[in-house]
């Protein structure tokens, strides 16, 4: 019996994040089409199966735990870098092997983090040295991105199986599955763009390589503080019932019912503050001009140095430092997906050597309803800059 499960995705892609491996009994992968397999995928079909307690044949109880820590540590203050994974399952049989149950729960908190520097859009720019003097046109990046990013995934999965076989020719199975999935991605960093007219180019103690590429130096200009928060909150519910009845030794009839529902809410929120000039009158607040240092290490790593105190809430304001047209961006897509299926089939097996082992007849009915809403909007303040609450 296959419970019709699907991930709450925007498109047709498939993700298995909401199905813990500890709660599965087996996985079958079909790469070619089969007439008896309904709802097949274009590139293949993956059949996730729960355990069959009567076939398992014995009592079993398992509890596992795992703890993990990240070498980068706490790169964003309010995100715990330590993760864990807890799993418990129980399988048993009753009534002389006629009734079986299987229960399982899996919970996981899995954080990860990265630190990234990126240079882009190499341009030819005029470089000057401190106190005057012109080094001419040198090759330098058109901008840099330096950020720290964390992703914290919290997932809980629960499954239950009730299997009943009162006679040798009748069997019934009830499957239920429930899963919640929360992914929180936090990206904080700084972007410097030399291609914007608000920046003044290279000044002071510029160092160039033999091929006229700037490998270190300072410049005076503005920078954007890029903050991006991306949250995905998903829920999957599924229940299925299957029964088989042997009409004869060679003929079997089967009935299958499945219901699945999935929801997914996404929040994407981006702001681009700047470091202000410190004015106390709102009308006089502007993005400050700062001296930013740039250097390439011997191993090619990019390093930026900014003397400003970016932890000062009185100096960080919502702004549009590069004239991109907004102080931020928000989008809120949601998905509601529901699937109901019915299936009735008849299988007859032959006891001969004619080359045909069996024939199967059946009918399948599926009703799927999917609703997707999408809201997105640029965030703009009435003034060019505004304090962050």
Protein backbone atom coordinates (compact mmCIF):
# COMPACT_ATOMS: atom_id res chain seq x y z
CA UNK A 1 0.00 0.00 0.00
CA UNK A 2 1.29 3.41 -0.95
CA UNK A 3 0.11 6.54 0.84
CA UNK A 4 -0.05 9.35 -1.71
CA UNK A 5 2.40 11.81 -0.25
CA UNK A 6 3.78 14.87 -1.97
CA UNK A 7 5.94 17.77 -0.83
CA UNK A 8 4.40 21.27 -0.75
CA UNK A 9 6.36 22.72 -3.66
CA UNK A 10 5.75 25.73 -5.89
CA UNK A 11 6.58 23.81 -9.05
CA UNK A 12 6.92 20.16 -10.02
CA UNK A 13 10.16 19.49 -8.18
CA UNK A 14 10.37 16.83 -5.48
CA UNK A 15 11.87 17.19 -2.03
CA UNK A 16 12.16 14.43 0.56
CA UNK A 17 13.02 16.67 3.53
CA UNK A 18 9.69 15.98 5.25
CA UNK A 19 10.04 12.19 5.21
CA UNK A 20 12.56 10.98 7.82
CA UNK A 21 14.37 7.83 6.74
CA UNK A 22 13.89 6.37 10.23
CA UNK A 23 10.12 6.16 9.64
CA UNK A 24 10.34 4.28 6.34
CA UNK A 25 10.42 0.54 5.88
CA UNK A 26 11.56 0.54 2.25
CA UNK A 27 11.85 2.71 -0.84
CA UNK A 28 11.13 1.48 -4.36
CA UNK A 29 12.27 3.49 -7.37
CA UNK A 30 10.51 3.01 -10.72
CA UNK A 31 12.41 4.31 -13.75
CA UNK A 32 10.05 2.87 -16.37
CA UNK A 33 6.29 3.14 -16.70
CA UNK A 34 3.95 0.47 -15.37
CA UNK A 35 0.27 0.20 -16.19
CA UNK A 36 -0.65 -0.63 -12.62
CA UNK A 37 1.20 2.35 -11.14
CA UNK A 38 -1.01 5.42 -11.05
CA UNK A 39 0.25 9.03 -10.78
CA UNK A 40 3.65 8.27 -12.29
CA UNK A 41 6.31 10.94 -12.60
CA UNK A 42 7.86 12.01 -15.89
CA UNK A 43 11.40 11.08 -14.85
CA UNK A 44 10.42 8.22 -12.53
CA UNK A 45 8.43 7.40 -9.44
CA UNK A 46 9.63 6.98 -5.86
CA UNK A 47 7.49 4.73 -3.66
CA UNK A 48 8.00 5.46 0.05
CA UNK A 49 6.69 2.55 2.13
CA UNK A 50 6.16 2.22 5.84
CA UNK A 51 6.96 -1.01 7.67
CA UNK A 52 4.48 -3.92 7.67
CA UNK A 53 4.33 -5.07 11.32
CA UNK A 54 2.95 -8.57 10.60
CA UNK A 55 5.65 -9.25 8.02
CA UNK A 56 8.25 -7.91 10.47
CA UNK A 57 7.23 -10.76 12.76
CA UNK A 58 8.62 -9.74 16.15
CA UNK A 59 8.45 -7.06 18.80
CA UNK A 60 10.97 -4.25 18.47
CA UNK A 61 11.55 -0.95 20.25
CA UNK A 62 14.28 1.46 19.19
CA UNK A 63 15.37 4.83 20.57
CA UNK A 64 18.25 6.74 19.00
CA UNK A 65 19.81 10.14 19.53
CA UNK A 66 22.50 12.19 17.87
CA UNK A 67 24.16 15.46 18.79
CA UNK A 68 26.15 17.62 16.40
CA UNK A 69 28.11 20.84 16.55
CA UNK A 70 29.49 23.12 13.85
CA UNK A 71 33.12 24.14 13.55
CA UNK A 72 32.19 27.73 12.64
CA UNK A 73 30.37 28.17 15.93
CA UNK A 74 27.78 30.88 16.48
CA UNK A 75 28.29 33.08 13.42
CA UNK A 76 24.92 34.82 13.96
CA UNK A 77 24.24 35.60 17.65
CA UNK A 78 20.64 34.41 17.89
CA UNK A 79 21.07 31.09 16.03
CA UNK A 80 22.22 28.05 18.03
CA UNK A 81 24.97 26.23 16.08
CA UNK A 82 24.39 22.90 17.88
CA UNK A 83 21.93 20.40 16.45
CA UNK A 84 20.37 17.10 17.45
CA UNK A 85 18.26 14.24 16.11
CA UNK A 86 15.93 12.03 18.19
CA UNK A 87 14.04 8.97 16.96
CA UNK A 88 11.77 6.42 18.59
CA UNK A 89 9.86 3.48 17.08
CA UNK A 90 7.85 0.51 18.31
CA UNK A 91 6.60 -2.58 16.42
CA UNK A 92 4.49 -5.37 17.90
CA UNK A 93 2.01 -8.15 17.04
CA UNK A 94 -1.11 -9.30 18.89
CA UNK A 95 -3.95 -11.86 18.60
CA UNK A 96 -1.64 -14.70 17.57
CA UNK A 97 -0.09 -12.67 14.78
CA UNK A 98 -3.35 -11.41 13.31
CA UNK A 99 -3.00 -7.78 14.46
CA UNK A 100 0.12 -5.67 14.17
CA UNK A 101 1.04 -2.09 14.99
CA UNK A 102 3.98 0.14 14.18
CA UNK A 103 4.54 3.58 15.67
CA UNK A 104 7.35 6.00 15.04
CA UNK A 105 8.40 9.57 15.73
CA UNK A 106 11.45 11.48 14.54
CA UNK A 107 12.46 15.01 15.57
CA UNK A 108 15.40 16.98 14.25
CA UNK A 109 17.00 20.37 14.69
CA UNK A 110 19.73 20.83 12.10
CA UNK A 111 21.55 24.18 11.87
CA UNK A 112 24.20 25.00 9.30
CA UNK A 113 26.20 28.11 8.56
CA UNK A 114 28.48 29.66 5.98
CA UNK A 115 30.74 32.67 5.75
CA UNK A 116 31.13 33.99 2.24
CA UNK A 117 32.98 36.68 0.34
CA UNK A 118 32.32 37.38 -3.31
CA UNK A 119 33.81 39.82 -5.80
CA UNK A 120 31.96 40.53 -9.03
CA UNK A 121 31.91 42.62 -12.19
CA UNK A 122 35.56 43.50 -12.77
CA UNK A 123 35.85 47.08 -14.08
CA UNK A 124 38.57 49.48 -15.15
CA UNK A 125 38.74 52.30 -12.61
CA UNK A 126 40.98 55.27 -11.96
CA UNK A 127 43.13 54.81 -8.85
CA UNK A 128 44.76 57.57 -6.84
CA UNK A 129 47.28 57.57 -4.02
CA UNK A 130 47.00 59.43 -0.77
CA UNK A 131 47.93 63.10 -1.05
CA UNK A 132 47.43 63.23 -4.80
CA UNK A 133 48.83 61.42 -7.77
CA UNK A 134 47.16 59.22 -10.31
CA UNK A 135 47.97 55.56 -10.91
CA UNK A 136 45.88 55.45 -14.06
CA UNK A 137 43.28 52.89 -14.98
CA UNK A 138 43.54 49.65 -13.02
CA UNK A 139 41.43 46.51 -13.05
CA UNK A 140 39.35 46.11 -9.91
CA UNK A 141 36.13 44.36 -8.88
CA UNK A 142 32.94 46.29 -9.48
CA UNK A 143 31.69 45.23 -6.08
CA UNK A 144 31.92 42.83 -3.17
CA UNK A 145 29.55 40.88 -0.98
CA UNK A 146 30.58 39.74 2.47
CA UNK A 147 28.01 37.86 4.51
CA UNK A 148 27.31 35.30 7.18
CA UNK A 149 24.40 32.95 6.59
CA UNK A 150 22.70 30.35 8.76
CA UNK A 151 19.93 27.87 8.03
CA UNK A 152 18.12 26.14 10.88
CA UNK A 153 15.78 23.26 10.02
CA UNK A 154 13.31 21.92 12.57
CA UNK A 155 11.38 18.84 11.53
CA UNK A 156 9.00 16.49 13.30
CA UNK A 157 7.57 13.37 11.68
CA UNK A 158 5.05 10.91 13.15
CA UNK A 159 3.78 7.71 11.55
CA UNK A 160 1.45 4.90 12.56
CA UNK A 161 0.52 1.58 10.92
CA UNK A 162 -2.29 -0.76 11.92
CA UNK A 163 -2.35 -4.10 10.10
CA UNK A 164 -5.07 -6.72 10.54
CA UNK A 165 -5.26 -10.17 8.97
CA UNK A 166 -8.19 -12.09 10.50
CA UNK A 167 -8.02 -14.92 7.93
CA UNK A 168 -5.53 -16.20 5.43
CA UNK A 169 -7.42 -14.64 2.51
CA UNK A 170 -8.25 -11.20 3.99
CA UNK A 171 -5.86 -8.43 5.04
CA UNK A 172 -6.34 -4.76 5.90
CA UNK A 173 -3.80 -2.00 6.49
CA UNK A 174 -4.26 1.53 7.78
CA UNK A 175 -1.40 4.02 7.44
CA UNK A 176 -1.17 7.54 8.86
CA UNK A 177 1.61 10.09 8.57
CA UNK A 178 2.09 13.64 9.84
CA UNK A 179 5.05 15.97 9.42
CA UNK A 180 5.95 19.58 10.18
CA UNK A 181 8.93 21.30 8.62
CA UNK A 182 10.34 24.73 9.47
CA UNK A 183 13.33 26.19 7.66
CA UNK A 184 14.70 29.54 8.87
CA UNK A 185 17.45 31.13 6.82
CA UNK A 186 19.14 34.28 8.09
CA UNK A 187 21.63 36.12 5.90
CA UNK A 188 23.44 39.21 7.17
CA UNK A 189 26.21 41.05 5.43
CA UNK A 190 27.55 44.04 3.59
CA UNK A 191 27.60 44.83 -0.12
CA UNK A 192 29.90 47.39 -1.68
CA UNK A 193 29.20 48.45 -5.25
CA UNK A 194 31.80 50.55 -7.04
CA UNK A 195 29.67 50.79 -10.17
CA UNK A 196 27.28 53.25 -8.50
CA UNK A 197 27.87 56.97 -8.98
CA UNK A 198 27.72 57.64 -5.24
CA UNK A 199 31.13 56.02 -4.76
CA UNK A 200 34.29 57.98 -5.43
CA UNK A 201 36.74 55.35 -6.55
CA UNK A 202 40.08 54.24 -5.20
CA UNK A 203 42.09 56.51 -2.94
CA UNK A 204 45.14 56.20 -0.70
CA UNK A 205 47.83 53.54 -0.69
CA UNK A 206 46.55 51.51 -3.60
CA UNK A 207 48.55 48.33 -4.27
CA UNK A 208 48.53 46.82 -7.71
CA UNK A 209 49.81 43.57 -9.13
CA UNK A 210 52.08 43.10 -12.12
CA UNK A 211 49.08 42.86 -14.45
CA UNK A 212 47.57 46.15 -13.16
CA UNK A 213 44.95 44.51 -10.95
CA UNK A 214 44.17 46.16 -7.62
CA UNK A 215 44.99 43.65 -4.89
CA UNK A 216 44.72 46.06 -1.93
CA UNK A 217 43.64 49.59 -1.25
CA UNK A 218 41.05 51.91 0.23
CA UNK A 219 38.19 53.81 -1.27
CA UNK A 220 35.69 56.35 -0.05
CA UNK A 221 32.02 55.64 -0.63
CA UNK A 222 28.81 54.13 0.63
CA UNK A 223 27.88 50.53 1.31
CA UNK A 224 24.64 48.65 1.84
CA UNK A 225 23.92 46.48 4.86
CA UNK A 226 22.06 43.49 3.39
CA UNK A 227 19.72 41.58 5.69
CA UNK A 228 17.67 38.70 4.27
CA UNK A 229 15.34 36.45 6.23
CA UNK A 230 13.70 33.48 4.49
CA UNK A 231 11.26 31.26 6.39
CA UNK A 232 9.43 28.21 5.05
CA UNK A 233 6.79 26.61 7.25
CA UNK A 234 5.27 23.41 5.83
CA UNK A 235 2.88 20.72 7.02
CA UNK A 236 2.02 17.35 5.46
CA UNK A 237 -0.85 15.05 6.50
CA UNK A 238 -1.56 11.69 4.89
CA UNK A 239 -3.77 8.69 5.61
CA UNK A 240 -4.31 5.55 3.59
CA UNK A 241 -6.35 2.36 3.81
CA UNK A 242 -5.76 -0.79 1.79
CA UNK A 243 -7.45 -4.19 1.79
CA UNK A 244 -6.84 -7.39 -0.18
CA UNK A 245 -9.18 -10.36 -0.45
CA UNK A 246 -8.30 -13.66 -2.11
CA UNK A 247 -11.33 -14.82 -4.08
CA UNK A 248 -9.54 -18.02 -5.08
CA UNK A 249 -6.01 -19.35 -4.89
CA UNK A 250 -5.24 -17.47 -8.13
CA UNK A 251 -7.52 -14.44 -8.02
CA UNK A 252 -7.27 -11.46 -5.68
CA UNK A 253 -9.24 -8.24 -5.41
CA UNK A 254 -7.88 -5.10 -3.79
CA UNK A 255 -9.19 -1.72 -2.71
CA UNK A 256 -7.13 1.34 -1.81
CA UNK A 257 -8.03 4.77 -0.44
CA UNK A 258 -5.60 7.61 0.13
CA UNK A 259 -5.85 11.21 1.30
CA UNK A 260 -3.04 13.74 1.52
CA UNK A 261 -2.94 17.44 2.36
CA UNK A 262 0.02 19.78 2.35
CA UNK A 263 0.45 23.46 3.16
CA UNK A 264 3.44 25.73 2.86
CA UNK A 265 3.84 29.36 3.94
CA UNK A 266 6.94 31.29 2.94
CA UNK A 267 8.20 34.63 4.21
CA UNK A 268 11.03 36.34 2.34
CA UNK A 269 12.02 39.68 3.87
CA UNK A 270 14.94 41.80 2.70
CA UNK A 271 16.16 45.17 3.93
CA UNK A 272 19.20 47.22 2.93
CA UNK A 273 20.05 49.74 5.65
CA UNK A 274 23.08 51.99 5.58
CA UNK A 275 25.34 53.60 8.18
CA UNK A 276 24.02 57.13 8.66
CA UNK A 277 25.76 60.44 9.21
CA UNK A 278 24.44 60.53 12.78
CA UNK A 279 22.05 63.44 12.33
CA UNK A 280 19.30 63.61 14.95
CA UNK A 281 16.78 65.46 12.80
CA UNK A 282 15.06 62.92 10.49
CA UNK A 283 15.09 65.26 7.50
CA UNK A 284 18.89 65.58 7.78
CA UNK A 285 19.68 61.86 8.06
CA UNK A 286 21.76 60.59 5.13
CA UNK A 287 23.94 57.61 4.37
CA UNK A 288 27.45 58.34 5.55
CA UNK A 289 30.53 58.25 3.37
CA UNK A 290 33.07 55.83 4.78
CA UNK A 291 36.58 54.65 4.05
CA UNK A 292 36.57 50.96 3.24
CA UNK A 293 39.67 48.83 3.04
CA UNK A 294 40.07 45.98 0.58
CA UNK A 295 42.72 43.28 0.35
CA UNK A 296 43.29 39.93 -1.29
CA UNK A 297 45.18 37.42 0.86
CA UNK A 298 47.87 35.25 -0.60
CA UNK A 299 45.38 32.38 -0.89
CA UNK A 300 42.94 34.58 -2.83
CA UNK A 301 40.55 35.31 0.02
CA UNK A 302 38.84 38.68 -0.05
CA UNK A 303 38.82 40.79 3.09
CA UNK A 304 37.01 44.08 3.71
CA UNK A 305 37.63 46.39 6.64
CA UNK A 306 35.09 48.97 7.78
CA UNK A 307 35.73 51.17 10.81
CA UNK A 308 32.05 51.97 11.38
CA UNK A 309 30.27 50.42 14.36
CA UNK A 310 27.48 48.51 12.64
CA UNK A 311 26.11 47.41 16.02
CA UNK A 312 25.07 50.99 16.87
CA UNK A 313 21.27 51.11 16.41
CA UNK A 314 21.34 54.92 16.37
CA UNK A 315 23.45 54.98 13.21
CA UNK A 316 21.92 52.14 11.16
CA UNK A 317 18.88 53.35 9.20
CA UNK A 318 16.64 51.96 6.48
CA UNK A 319 17.78 53.46 3.22
CA UNK A 320 18.39 53.03 -0.49
CA UNK A 321 22.14 53.70 -0.56
CA UNK A 322 22.59 52.85 -4.25
CA UNK A 323 19.36 54.19 -5.67
CA UNK A 324 17.84 50.79 -6.44
CA UNK A 325 14.35 52.20 -5.87
CA UNK A 326 13.39 50.73 -2.50
CA UNK A 327 14.54 50.18 1.07
CA UNK A 328 13.63 46.52 0.98
CA UNK A 329 11.53 43.75 -0.50
CA UNK A 330 8.98 41.25 0.83
CA UNK A 331 7.17 38.26 -0.67
CA UNK A 332 4.66 35.85 0.89
CA UNK A 333 3.81 32.85 -1.31
CA UNK A 334 1.49 30.18 0.09
CA UNK A 335 0.49 26.71 -1.13
CA UNK A 336 -2.50 24.53 -0.26
CA UNK A 337 -2.42 21.11 -1.92
CA UNK A 338 -4.94 18.30 -1.44
CA UNK A 339 -5.18 14.86 -3.04
CA UNK A 340 -7.83 12.14 -2.69
CA UNK A 341 -7.50 8.79 -4.48
CA UNK A 342 -9.53 5.61 -4.86
CA UNK A 343 -8.35 2.42 -6.50
CA UNK A 344 -9.97 -0.95 -7.21
CA UNK A 345 -8.06 -3.76 -8.90
CA UNK A 346 -8.36 -7.44 -9.74
CA UNK A 347 -5.37 -9.73 -10.27
CA UNK A 348 -5.47 -13.25 -11.67
CA UNK A 349 -2.36 -15.45 -11.80
CA UNK A 350 -1.94 -18.32 -14.29
CA UNK A 351 -0.56 -21.76 -13.48
CA UNK A 352 0.95 -22.53 -16.87
CA UNK A 353 4.03 -22.02 -18.99
CA UNK A 354 2.41 -19.95 -21.74
CA UNK A 355 4.61 -16.93 -20.98
CA UNK A 356 1.89 -14.93 -19.22
CA UNK A 357 2.16 -15.03 -15.45
CA UNK A 358 -0.80 -12.81 -14.55
CA UNK A 359 -3.29 -10.24 -15.75
CA UNK A 360 -4.50 -7.22 -13.82
CA UNK A 361 -7.59 -5.08 -14.26
CA UNK A 362 -8.40 -1.97 -12.30
CA UNK A 363 -9.76 1.52 -12.08
CA UNK A 364 -8.20 4.51 -10.35
CA UNK A 365 -9.77 7.84 -9.45
CA UNK A 366 -7.80 10.86 -8.21
CA UNK A 367 -8.98 14.33 -7.28
CA UNK A 368 -6.25 16.90 -6.72
CA UNK A 369 -6.79 20.53 -5.79
CA UNK A 370 -3.89 22.95 -5.54
CA UNK A 371 -4.11 26.63 -4.68
CA UNK A 372 -1.17 28.98 -4.81
CA UNK A 373 -1.17 32.62 -3.80
CA UNK A 374 1.73 34.96 -4.34
CA UNK A 375 2.22 38.39 -2.80
CA UNK A 376 5.32 40.51 -3.27
CA UNK A 377 6.08 44.17 -2.80
CA UNK A 378 8.95 46.62 -2.68
CA UNK A 379 9.29 48.36 0.68
CA UNK A 380 9.58 52.13 0.49
CA UNK A 381 9.61 54.77 3.20
CA UNK A 382 8.24 58.29 2.82
CA UNK A 383 11.74 59.69 3.35
CA UNK A 384 14.98 58.59 1.75
CA UNK A 385 16.05 57.15 5.10
CA UNK A 386 14.19 56.03 8.20
CA UNK A 387 15.29 54.75 11.62
CA UNK A 388 14.91 51.05 12.28
CA UNK A 389 12.47 50.44 15.18
